[in-house]
Amino acid sequence: MLLYYAKLWWVVALRGIFAVLFGLCAFFAPIATLAVLILIFGAYAAADGVVALAMAISGKERDGSDRWILALQGVLGLGIGALTLFNPAVTALSLLLYIAAWTLATGVLQIVAAVRLRKEIPNEWWMILAGLASIALAFLLLWNPVAGALAVLWMIASWATVCGILLIGVAFRLRRAHHDHLHGKPLAA
């Protein structure tokens, strides 16, 4: 599984960069971001789903048993993105539930992937922390869904920024593992 992820380290980095950019936009342009949050989130979830599905589908290794984790993340992202984009009026209130369900499921799946990678990559805790950050956001959204829209926007921006930074950290680890593999160095356990 490590070699599969390591080959696509740049895709993990791209997911992280998109998340950080989304978070920064939400922090620095809150009024504009709030007005288009539904469309931004729908597009982000769909794009993240496409990227995760592309990672799952593009693997040609014999051991494809772990690709279901990425495929499931991709289907979740595409589904939530489609629901958000096709129901903008209804989504205004239910968006919090969509985001909570998506971040909860994605967080759990990231932790599952990290546990599976724990013997193949050092410091898999980066991915575990990304998963825990997603789960924390889900619980915060479910705990008080009527909270002010700006506070919710800042929670989403914080989550996106933190997860993005953590995914970029994972990407650097994967890049190092890919580089080591290409140069015949043994992979760190």
C-alpha atoms as a PDB file:
ATOM      1  CA  MET A   1       0.000   0.000   0.000  1.00  0.00           C
ATOM      2  CA  LEU A   2       2.889   2.349   0.764  1.00  0.00           C
ATOM      3  CA  LEU A   3       4.264   2.188  -2.768  1.00  0.00           C
ATOM      4  CA  TYR A   4       0.811   2.898  -4.175  1.00  0.00           C
ATOM      5  CA  TYR A   5       0.368   6.002  -1.996  1.00  0.00           C
ATOM      6  CA  ALA A   6       4.014   7.017  -2.457  1.00  0.00           C
ATOM      7  CA  LYS A   7       3.692   7.020  -6.255  1.00  0.00           C
ATOM      8  CA  LEU A   8       0.792   9.431  -5.986  1.00  0.00           C
ATOM      9  CA  TRP A   9       2.274  11.623  -3.231  1.00  0.00           C
ATOM     10  CA  TRP A  10       1.620  14.727  -5.340  1.00  0.00           C
ATOM     11  CA  VAL A  11      -2.112  13.965  -5.431  1.00  0.00           C
ATOM     12  CA  VAL A  12      -2.201  13.876  -1.625  1.00  0.00           C
ATOM     13  CA  ALA A  13      -0.314  17.206  -1.632  1.00  0.00           C
ATOM     14  CA  LEU A  14      -2.827  18.639  -4.124  1.00  0.00           C
ATOM     15  CA  ARG A  15      -5.725  17.623  -1.879  1.00  0.00           C
ATOM     16  CA  GLY A  16      -3.973  19.381   1.011  1.00  0.00           C
ATOM     17  CA  ILE A  17      -3.289  22.536  -1.015  1.00  0.00           C
ATOM     18  CA  PHE A  18      -6.930  22.752  -2.134  1.00  0.00           C
ATOM     19  CA  ALA A  19      -8.065  22.373   1.472  1.00  0.00           C
ATOM     20  CA  VAL A  20      -5.687  25.105   2.713  1.00  0.00           C
ATOM     21  CA  LEU A  21      -6.780  27.472  -0.082  1.00  0.00           C
ATOM     22  CA  PHE A  22     -10.428  26.889   0.767  1.00  0.00           C
ATOM     23  CA  GLY A  23      -9.724  27.538   4.449  1.00  0.00           C
ATOM     24  CA  LEU A  24      -7.822  30.762   3.772  1.00  0.00           C
ATOM     25  CA  CYS A  25     -10.572  32.077   1.486  1.00  0.00           C
ATOM     26  CA  ALA A  26     -13.139  31.403   4.209  1.00  0.00           C
ATOM     27  CA  PHE A  27     -11.035  33.269   6.803  1.00  0.00           C
ATOM     28  CA  PHE A  28     -10.172  36.337   4.734  1.00  0.00           C
ATOM     29  CA  ALA A  29     -13.447  36.841   2.849  1.00  0.00           C
ATOM     30  CA  PRO A  30     -16.096  35.573   5.285  1.00  0.00           C
ATOM     31  CA  ILE A  31     -19.079  37.528   3.924  1.00  0.00           C
ATOM     32  CA  ALA A  32     -18.445  36.573   0.315  1.00  0.00           C
ATOM     33  CA  THR A  33     -17.549  33.033   1.308  1.00  0.00           C
ATOM     34  CA  LEU A  34     -20.693  32.672   3.381  1.00  0.00           C
ATOM     35  CA  ALA A  35     -22.811  33.837   0.425  1.00  0.00           C
ATOM     36  CA  VAL A  36     -21.354  31.153  -1.836  1.00  0.00           C
ATOM     37  CA  LEU A  37     -20.480  28.514   0.775  1.00  0.00           C
ATOM     38  CA  ILE A  38     -22.955  26.031  -0.604  1.00  0.00           C
ATOM     39  CA  LEU A  39     -21.476  26.195  -4.094  1.00  0.00           C
ATOM     40  CA  ILE A  40     -17.879  26.239  -2.842  1.00  0.00           C
ATOM     41  CA  PHE A  41     -18.445  23.263  -0.579  1.00  0.00           C
ATOM     42  CA  GLY A  42     -20.291  21.327  -3.283  1.00  0.00           C
ATOM     43  CA  ALA A  43     -17.493  21.934  -5.774  1.00  0.00           C
ATOM     44  CA  TYR A  44     -14.807  21.103  -3.186  1.00  0.00           C
ATOM     45  CA  ALA A  45     -16.491  17.858  -2.103  1.00  0.00           C
ATOM     46  CA  ALA A  46     -17.010  16.801  -5.731  1.00  0.00           C
ATOM     47  CA  ALA A  47     -13.413  17.670  -6.705  1.00  0.00           C
ATOM     48  CA  ASP A  48     -12.049  15.854  -3.657  1.00  0.00           C
ATOM     49  CA  GLY A  49     -14.212  12.874  -4.584  1.00  0.00           C
ATOM     50  CA  VAL A  50     -12.909  12.873  -8.164  1.00  0.00           C
ATOM     51  CA  VAL A  51      -9.294  13.048  -6.957  1.00  0.00           C
ATOM     52  CA  ALA A  52      -9.815  10.228  -4.437  1.00  0.00           C
ATOM     53  CA  LEU A  53     -11.560   8.093  -7.073  1.00  0.00           C
ATOM     54  CA  ALA A  54      -8.761   8.811  -9.556  1.00  0.00           C
ATOM     55  CA  MET A  55      -6.239   7.612  -6.989  1.00  0.00           C
ATOM     56  CA  ALA A  56      -8.294   4.460  -6.365  1.00  0.00           C
ATOM     57  CA  ILE A  57      -8.838   3.688 -10.043  1.00  0.00           C
ATOM     58  CA  SER A  58      -5.333   4.534 -11.289  1.00  0.00           C
ATOM     59  CA  GLY A  59      -3.588   1.839  -9.237  1.00  0.00           C
ATOM     60  CA  LYS A  60      -2.415  -1.095 -11.289  1.00  0.00           C
ATOM     61  CA  GLU A  61      -0.575  -2.926  -8.536  1.00  0.00           C
ATOM     62  CA  ARG A  62      -1.520  -6.496  -7.774  1.00  0.00           C
ATOM     63  CA  ASP A  63      -2.444  -5.655  -4.199  1.00  0.00           C
ATOM     64  CA  GLY A  64      -5.461  -3.448  -4.791  1.00  0.00           C
ATOM     65  CA  SER A  65      -7.252  -4.539  -1.641  1.00  0.00           C
ATOM     66  CA  ASP A  66      -6.729  -1.190   0.079  1.00  0.00           C
ATOM     67  CA  ARG A  67      -8.003   0.959  -2.784  1.00  0.00           C
ATOM     68  CA  TRP A  68     -11.571   0.586  -1.523  1.00  0.00           C
ATOM     69  CA  ILE A  69     -10.779   3.156   1.182  1.00  0.00           C
ATOM     70  CA  LEU A  70      -9.966   5.811  -1.425  1.00  0.00           C
ATOM     71  CA  ALA A  71     -12.844   4.709  -3.650  1.00  0.00           C
ATOM     72  CA  LEU A  72     -15.297   5.061  -0.765  1.00  0.00           C
ATOM     73  CA  GLN A  73     -13.906   8.520   0.070  1.00  0.00           C
ATOM     74  CA  GLY A  74     -14.352   9.449  -3.586  1.00  0.00           C
ATOM     75  CA  VAL A  75     -17.943   8.215  -3.775  1.00  0.00           C
ATOM     76  CA  LEU A  76     -18.768  10.066  -0.556  1.00  0.00           C
ATOM     77  CA  GLY A  77     -17.254  13.293  -1.888  1.00  0.00           C
ATOM     78  CA  LEU A  78     -19.050  13.029  -5.228  1.00  0.00           C
ATOM     79  CA  GLY A  79     -22.358  12.182  -3.554  1.00  0.00           C
ATOM     80  CA  ILE A  80     -22.206  15.039  -1.065  1.00  0.00           C
ATOM     81  CA  GLY A  81     -21.008  17.419  -3.797  1.00  0.00           C
ATOM     82  CA  ALA A  82     -23.927  16.463  -6.076  1.00  0.00           C
ATOM     83  CA  LEU A  83     -26.478  16.757  -3.255  1.00  0.00           C
ATOM     84  CA  THR A  84     -25.132  20.185  -2.383  1.00  0.00           C
ATOM     85  CA  LEU A  85     -25.021  21.553  -5.926  1.00  0.00           C
ATOM     86  CA  PHE A  86     -28.441  20.233  -6.991  1.00  0.00           C
ATOM     87  CA  ASN A  87     -30.340  21.326  -3.841  1.00  0.00           C
ATOM     88  CA  PRO A  88     -28.987  24.778  -2.923  1.00  0.00           C
ATOM     89  CA  ALA A  89     -32.204  26.045  -1.302  1.00  0.00           C
ATOM     90  CA  VAL A  90     -32.734  22.944   0.803  1.00  0.00           C
ATOM     91  CA  THR A  91     -29.027  22.651   1.463  1.00  0.00           C
ATOM     92  CA  ALA A  92     -28.852  25.936   3.367  1.00  0.00           C
ATOM     93  CA  LEU A  93     -29.896  24.184   6.578  1.00  0.00           C
ATOM     94  CA  SER A  94     -28.973  20.604   5.774  1.00  0.00           C
ATOM     95  CA  LEU A  95     -25.460  21.555   4.627  1.00  0.00           C
ATOM     96  CA  LEU A  96     -24.302  21.267   8.216  1.00  0.00           C
ATOM     97  CA  LEU A  97     -25.528  17.684   8.335  1.00  0.00           C
ATOM     98  CA  TYR A  98     -23.926  16.897   4.948  1.00  0.00           C
ATOM     99  CA  ILE A  99     -20.616  18.330   6.099  1.00  0.00           C
ATOM    100  CA  ALA A 100     -20.812  16.550   9.452  1.00  0.00           C
ATOM    101  CA  ALA A 101     -21.562  13.168   7.853  1.00  0.00           C
ATOM    102  CA  TRP A 102     -18.899  13.608   5.197  1.00  0.00           C
ATOM    103  CA  THR A 103     -16.178  14.778   7.593  1.00  0.00           C
ATOM    104  CA  LEU A 104     -17.031  12.022  10.063  1.00  0.00           C
ATOM    105  CA  ALA A 105     -16.852   9.298   7.408  1.00  0.00           C
ATOM    106  CA  THR A 106     -13.730  10.759   5.791  1.00  0.00           C
ATOM    107  CA  GLY A 107     -12.026  11.080   9.173  1.00  0.00           C
ATOM    108  CA  VAL A 108     -12.748   7.467  10.054  1.00  0.00           C
ATOM    109  CA  LEU A 109     -11.505   6.301   6.645  1.00  0.00           C
ATOM    110  CA  GLN A 110      -8.302   8.361   6.993  1.00  0.00           C
ATOM    111  CA  ILE A 111      -7.644   6.724  10.360  1.00  0.00           C
ATOM    112  CA  VAL A 112      -8.283   3.274   8.839  1.00  0.00           C
ATOM    113  CA  ALA A 113      -5.780   4.060   6.063  1.00  0.00           C
ATOM    114  CA  ALA A 114      -3.214   5.314   8.611  1.00  0.00           C
ATOM    115  CA  VAL A 115      -3.560   2.183  10.733  1.00  0.00           C
ATOM    116  CA  ARG A 116      -3.014   0.064   7.623  1.00  0.00           C
ATOM    117  CA  LEU A 117       0.076   2.134   6.767  1.00  0.00           C
ATOM    118  CA  ARG A 118       1.548   2.103  10.294  1.00  0.00           C
ATOM    119  CA  LYS A 119       4.016  -0.685   9.531  1.00  0.00           C
ATOM    120  CA  GLU A 120       5.044   0.770   6.174  1.00  0.00           C
ATOM    121  CA  ILE A 121       5.547   4.494   6.784  1.00  0.00           C
ATOM    122  CA  PRO A 122       7.040   6.362   9.730  1.00  0.00           C
ATOM    123  CA  ASN A 123       4.926   8.996  11.445  1.00  0.00           C
ATOM    124  CA  GLU A 124       1.601   7.799  10.148  1.00  0.00           C
ATOM    125  CA  TRP A 125       0.166   9.962  12.928  1.00  0.00           C
ATOM    126  CA  TRP A 126      -0.054  12.834  10.387  1.00  0.00           C
ATOM    127  CA  MET A 127      -2.867  10.978   8.673  1.00  0.00           C
ATOM    128  CA  ILE A 128      -4.403   9.982  12.015  1.00  0.00           C
ATOM    129  CA  LEU A 129      -4.423  13.659  13.066  1.00  0.00           C
ATOM    130  CA  ALA A 130      -6.097  14.629   9.776  1.00  0.00           C
ATOM    131  CA  GLY A 131      -8.754  12.000  10.471  1.00  0.00           C
ATOM    132  CA  LEU A 132      -9.226  13.169  14.059  1.00  0.00           C
ATOM    133  CA  ALA A 133      -9.553  16.798  12.907  1.00  0.00           C
ATOM    134  CA  SER A 134     -12.328  15.734  10.522  1.00  0.00           C
ATOM    135  CA  ILE A 135     -14.123  13.782  13.251  1.00  0.00           C
ATOM    136  CA  ALA A 136     -13.806  16.727  15.673  1.00  0.00           C
ATOM    137  CA  LEU A 137     -15.427  19.068  13.148  1.00  0.00           C
ATOM    138  CA  ALA A 138     -18.278  16.611  12.616  1.00  0.00           C
ATOM    139  CA  PHE A 139     -19.020  16.462  16.340  1.00  0.00           C
ATOM    140  CA  LEU A 140     -18.825  20.244  16.724  1.00  0.00           C
ATOM    141  CA  LEU A 141     -21.314  20.713  13.867  1.00  0.00           C
ATOM    142  CA  LEU A 142     -23.714  18.124  15.286  1.00  0.00           C
ATOM    143  CA  TRP A 143     -23.440  19.488  18.817  1.00  0.00           C
ATOM    144  CA  ASN A 144     -24.797  22.955  17.970  1.00  0.00           C
ATOM    145  CA  PRO A 145     -26.120  23.138  14.386  1.00  0.00           C
ATOM    146  CA  VAL A 146     -28.020  26.390  14.996  1.00  0.00           C
ATOM    147  CA  ALA A 147     -24.855  28.283  15.907  1.00  0.00           C
ATOM    148  CA  GLY A 148     -24.039  31.425  14.007  1.00  0.00           C
ATOM    149  CA  ALA A 149     -23.165  30.981  10.353  1.00  0.00           C
ATOM    150  CA  LEU A 150     -19.908  32.873  10.782  1.00  0.00           C
ATOM    151  CA  ALA A 151     -18.806  30.603  13.630  1.00  0.00           C
ATOM    152  CA  VAL A 152     -19.617  27.548  11.526  1.00  0.00           C
ATOM    153  CA  LEU A 153     -17.749  29.060   8.594  1.00  0.00           C
ATOM    154  CA  TRP A 154     -14.694  29.603  10.793  1.00  0.00           C
ATOM    155  CA  MET A 155     -14.888  26.011  12.057  1.00  0.00           C
ATOM    156  CA  ILE A 156     -14.983  24.780   8.464  1.00  0.00           C
ATOM    157  CA  ALA A 157     -12.111  27.096   7.519  1.00  0.00           C
ATOM    158  CA  SER A 158     -10.072  25.874  10.500  1.00  0.00           C
ATOM    159  CA  TRP A 159     -10.793  22.242   9.665  1.00  0.00           C
ATOM    160  CA  ALA A 160      -9.909  22.682   5.980  1.00  0.00           C
ATOM    161  CA  THR A 161      -6.677  24.510   6.823  1.00  0.00           C
ATOM    162  CA  VAL A 162      -5.577  21.993   9.481  1.00  0.00           C
ATOM    163  CA  CYS A 163      -6.469  18.950   7.364  1.00  0.00           C
ATOM    164  CA  GLY A 164      -4.791  20.510   4.358  1.00  0.00           C
ATOM    165  CA  ILE A 165      -1.568  21.146   6.264  1.00  0.00           C
ATOM    166  CA  LEU A 166      -1.626  17.616   7.673  1.00  0.00           C
ATOM    167  CA  LEU A 167      -2.225  16.102   4.226  1.00  0.00           C
ATOM    168  CA  ILE A 168       0.687  18.136   2.857  1.00  0.00           C
ATOM    169  CA  GLY A 169       2.801  16.669   5.684  1.00  0.00           C
ATOM    170  CA  VAL A 170       1.682  13.162   4.677  1.00  0.00           C
ATOM    171  CA  ALA A 171       2.543  13.969   1.047  1.00  0.00           C
ATOM    172  CA  PHE A 172       6.110  14.921   1.987  1.00  0.00           C
ATOM    173  CA  ARG A 173       6.518  11.640   3.867  1.00  0.00           C
ATOM    174  CA  LEU A 174       5.143   9.722   0.894  1.00  0.00           C
ATOM    175  CA  ARG A 175       7.405  11.651  -1.479  1.00  0.00           C
ATOM    176  CA  ARG A 176      10.426  10.681   0.607  1.00  0.00           C
ATOM    177  CA  ALA A 177       9.314   7.033   0.592  1.00  0.00           C
ATOM    178  CA  HIS A 178       8.837   7.158  -3.196  1.00  0.00           C
ATOM    179  CA  HIS A 179      12.277   8.742  -3.665  1.00  0.00           C
ATOM    180  CA  ASP A 180      13.888   6.118  -1.412  1.00  0.00           C
ATOM    181  CA  HIS A 181      12.170   3.311  -3.316  1.00  0.00           C
ATOM    182  CA  LEU A 182      13.315   4.690  -6.683  1.00  0.00           C
ATOM    183  CA  HIS A 183      16.915   4.829  -5.440  1.00  0.00           C
ATOM    184  CA  GLY A 184      16.874   1.317  -4.011  1.00  0.00           C
ATOM    185  CA  LYS A 185      16.883   2.361  -0.372  1.00  0.00           C
ATOM    186  CA  PRO A 186      14.872   0.176   2.017  1.00  0.00           C
ATOM    187  CA  LEU A 187      11.577   1.665   3.090  1.00  0.00           C
ATOM    188  CA  ALA A 188      11.470   2.802   6.704  1.00  0.00           C
ATOM    189  CA  ALA A 189       9.352   0.663   8.996  1.00  0.00           C
END
